[in-house]
Amino acid sequence: MGRWIALVLLLAAGPCMAGAAAGKEMTRMTTITLTSPAFHGGGQIPATFTCDGTDVNPPLAIGPVPAGTRSLALIMDDPDAPVGTWVHWVLWNIPPQTREIHENSVPSGASQGRNDWHRTGYGGPCPPSGTHRYFFKLYALDTLLDLGATTTKADLERAMQGHILGRGELVGTYHRKR
């Protein structure tokens, strides 16, 4: 019986020991509050912020970020797109003191990358059919990122690896009324 307990403890500790052996510190990720005054989490995104409206970014409110945050990054995507996850917005080097992103704006000092329309900047919800979910994912990073204007979501995610201190998420939905 004692051997089984030792084996279970060893297996449970394995991932922690592997991380430590690789020189990686195991840290707990901080949750960051991300909201919008334009829609509630899980609620409908107003048409203004979609291809059926003026197609500008909605306002976002950012809660406190972890100590040591040097920049924030934001990705907006749609996992319900028929071709796979569709990227709507890629934004990084948002100053860590930023507490809101205003409607139709990008914080001073931040950079935008390419969305899946192959355009730089925001591209709002525009589902071909049905109701889609749109994930606004915010990351607190311990570094500034040196990335260019053609940066994609995949490029940004690679650059963020090993630098994420905290994360927040806001989900909205949209259904076109045709």
Protein backbone atom coordinates (compact mmCIF):
# COMPACT_ATOMS: atom_id res chain seq x y z
CA MET A 1 0.00 0.00 0.00
CA GLY A 2 2.80 2.40 0.88
CA ARG A 3 4.42 1.85 -2.54
CA TRP A 4 1.17 2.79 -4.30
CA ILE A 5 0.88 6.01 -2.33
CA ALA A 6 4.49 6.88 -3.15
CA LEU A 7 3.86 6.14 -6.85
CA VAL A 8 0.74 8.33 -6.91
CA LEU A 9 2.60 11.19 -5.20
CA LEU A 10 5.51 10.85 -7.62
CA LEU A 11 3.20 10.91 -10.65
CA ALA A 12 1.29 13.91 -9.28
CA ALA A 13 4.51 15.82 -8.62
CA GLY A 14 6.04 14.89 -11.97
CA PRO A 15 4.79 17.90 -13.96
CA CYS A 16 5.93 20.30 -11.23
CA MET A 17 9.33 18.64 -11.01
CA ALA A 18 9.65 18.62 -14.81
CA GLY A 19 8.95 22.36 -14.92
CA ALA A 20 11.48 23.01 -12.19
CA ALA A 21 14.03 20.77 -13.91
CA ALA A 22 13.62 22.77 -17.11
CA GLY A 23 14.41 25.94 -15.16
CA LYS A 24 10.84 27.21 -15.31
CA GLU A 25 9.29 28.61 -12.20
CA MET A 26 5.75 27.40 -11.60
CA THR A 27 3.65 30.47 -10.96
CA ARG A 28 -0.06 31.05 -10.54
CA MET A 29 -1.60 33.17 -13.28
CA THR A 30 -3.53 36.25 -12.17
CA THR A 31 -7.04 36.80 -13.50
CA ILE A 32 -7.65 40.26 -14.94
CA THR A 33 -11.17 41.68 -15.17
CA LEU A 34 -12.14 42.64 -18.73
CA THR A 35 -15.57 44.19 -19.35
CA SER A 36 -17.33 46.49 -21.79
CA PRO A 37 -19.83 49.26 -21.10
CA ALA A 38 -21.36 48.39 -24.51
CA PHE A 39 -22.39 44.78 -23.72
CA HIS A 40 -22.41 42.30 -20.85
CA GLY A 41 -20.25 39.17 -20.81
CA GLY A 42 -22.07 36.52 -22.82
CA GLY A 43 -24.42 39.16 -24.25
CA GLN A 44 -25.04 40.47 -27.74
CA ILE A 45 -22.42 42.84 -29.18
CA PRO A 46 -24.23 45.94 -30.51
CA ALA A 47 -24.37 46.19 -34.33
CA THR A 48 -22.31 49.43 -34.21
CA PHE A 49 -19.22 47.32 -33.55
CA THR A 50 -19.88 44.89 -36.44
CA CYS A 51 -19.84 44.81 -40.24
CA ASP A 52 -23.54 45.74 -40.07
CA GLY A 53 -22.66 49.03 -38.33
CA THR A 54 -19.63 51.30 -38.35
CA ASP A 55 -17.28 48.35 -37.72
CA VAL A 56 -15.29 50.05 -34.95
CA ASN A 57 -13.95 48.42 -31.80
CA PRO A 58 -16.17 48.47 -28.72
CA PRO A 59 -15.02 50.22 -25.57
CA LEU A 60 -13.28 47.88 -23.10
CA ALA A 61 -12.59 48.33 -19.39
CA ILE A 62 -9.49 46.71 -17.87
CA GLY A 63 -9.19 45.87 -14.18
CA PRO A 64 -5.97 45.92 -12.15
CA VAL A 65 -3.02 44.04 -13.65
CA PRO A 66 -0.36 42.01 -11.82
CA ALA A 67 2.74 43.65 -10.38
CA GLY A 68 5.59 43.54 -12.86
CA THR A 69 3.37 44.00 -15.91
CA ARG A 70 5.29 45.90 -18.61
CA SER A 71 2.67 45.67 -21.36
CA LEU A 72 -0.73 44.24 -22.27
CA ALA A 73 -1.82 42.36 -25.38
CA LEU A 74 -5.31 41.74 -26.74
CA ILE A 75 -6.61 39.16 -29.20
CA MET A 76 -10.21 39.05 -30.44
CA ASP A 77 -11.30 35.94 -32.29
CA ASP A 78 -14.33 33.87 -33.31
CA PRO A 79 -14.02 30.10 -32.74
CA ASP A 80 -17.39 29.48 -34.43
CA ALA A 81 -16.33 30.54 -37.93
CA PRO A 82 -16.91 27.83 -40.56
CA VAL A 83 -13.23 27.87 -41.62
CA GLY A 84 -11.91 27.55 -38.05
CA THR A 85 -11.08 30.29 -35.56
CA TRP A 86 -11.28 33.69 -37.29
CA VAL A 87 -9.05 36.47 -35.94
CA HIS A 88 -10.65 39.93 -35.68
CA TRP A 89 -8.06 41.98 -33.79
CA VAL A 90 -4.44 41.64 -32.69
CA LEU A 91 -3.06 44.36 -30.40
CA TRP A 92 0.09 44.49 -28.24
CA ASN A 93 2.34 46.83 -26.25
CA ILE A 94 -0.69 48.40 -24.62
CA PRO A 95 0.69 50.45 -21.71
CA PRO A 96 0.12 48.58 -18.41
CA GLN A 97 -1.56 51.58 -16.77
CA THR A 98 -4.33 51.49 -19.44
CA ARG A 99 -7.70 50.97 -17.75
CA GLU A 100 -9.87 51.44 -20.81
CA ILE A 101 -9.71 51.15 -24.55
CA HIS A 102 -12.12 53.70 -25.95
CA GLU A 103 -14.54 53.01 -28.77
CA ASN A 104 -12.87 53.29 -32.19
CA SER A 105 -9.41 53.81 -30.70
CA VAL A 106 -6.10 52.19 -29.90
CA PRO A 107 -4.19 53.20 -26.76
CA SER A 108 -1.20 55.47 -27.35
CA GLY A 109 1.96 53.38 -27.76
CA ALA A 110 0.12 50.18 -28.69
CA SER A 111 0.62 48.36 -32.00
CA GLN A 112 -1.88 46.46 -34.14
CA GLY A 113 -1.28 43.41 -36.30
CA ARG A 114 -3.10 41.64 -39.10
CA ASN A 115 -6.55 40.15 -38.75
CA ASP A 116 -7.87 37.33 -40.94
CA TRP A 117 -9.14 39.82 -43.52
CA HIS A 118 -5.41 40.56 -44.06
CA ARG A 119 -5.95 44.10 -42.78
CA THR A 120 -4.20 45.80 -39.91
CA GLY A 121 -6.54 46.75 -37.09
CA TYR A 122 -10.00 45.83 -35.90
CA GLY A 123 -12.51 43.90 -38.00
CA GLY A 124 -15.84 43.47 -36.26
CA PRO A 125 -18.16 40.50 -36.06
CA CYS A 126 -19.66 39.49 -39.41
CA PRO A 127 -20.88 35.89 -39.12
CA PRO A 128 -22.06 34.31 -42.38
CA SER A 129 -24.86 32.51 -40.52
CA GLY A 130 -26.11 31.79 -37.02
CA THR A 131 -24.91 33.21 -33.72
CA HIS A 132 -21.17 33.33 -33.19
CA ARG A 133 -19.12 33.91 -30.03
CA TYR A 134 -16.39 36.55 -29.98
CA PHE A 135 -13.58 36.20 -27.43
CA PHE A 136 -11.67 39.28 -26.30
CA LYS A 137 -8.56 37.85 -24.59
CA LEU A 138 -6.32 40.18 -22.60
CA TYR A 139 -2.81 39.25 -21.47
CA ALA A 140 -0.51 40.96 -18.96
CA LEU A 141 3.11 40.53 -20.03
CA ASP A 142 6.41 41.01 -18.24
CA THR A 143 7.98 42.52 -21.38
CA LEU A 144 7.45 44.82 -24.35
CA LEU A 145 7.25 42.99 -27.68
CA ASP A 146 9.29 43.89 -30.75
CA LEU A 147 6.85 42.92 -33.51
CA GLY A 148 5.97 44.40 -36.89
CA ALA A 149 2.70 45.49 -38.52
CA THR A 150 2.29 42.15 -40.33
CA THR A 151 2.16 40.29 -37.00
CA THR A 152 -0.58 37.67 -36.84
CA LYS A 153 -2.28 36.06 -33.85
CA ALA A 154 0.09 33.08 -34.13
CA ASP A 155 3.13 35.41 -34.17
CA LEU A 156 1.85 37.25 -31.11
CA GLU A 157 1.11 34.05 -29.21
CA ARG A 158 4.65 32.77 -29.91
CA ALA A 159 6.16 36.07 -28.74
CA MET A 160 4.10 35.99 -25.52
CA GLN A 161 5.22 32.48 -24.52
CA GLY A 162 6.97 32.56 -21.16
CA HIS A 163 5.97 36.19 -20.53
CA ILE A 164 2.31 35.96 -19.45
CA LEU A 165 1.65 37.14 -15.87
CA GLY A 166 -2.15 37.31 -16.06
CA ARG A 167 -5.12 36.86 -18.34
CA GLY A 168 -8.66 38.16 -18.72
CA GLU A 169 -11.47 37.32 -21.09
CA LEU A 170 -14.73 38.84 -22.26
CA VAL A 171 -17.10 36.94 -24.55
CA GLY A 172 -19.82 38.54 -26.64
CA THR A 173 -22.14 37.12 -29.27
CA TYR A 174 -23.51 38.37 -32.55
CA HIS A 175 -26.21 37.26 -34.98
CA ARG A 176 -26.81 39.22 -38.17
CA LYS A 177 -30.35 40.47 -38.78
CA ARG A 178 -30.74 40.26 -42.54
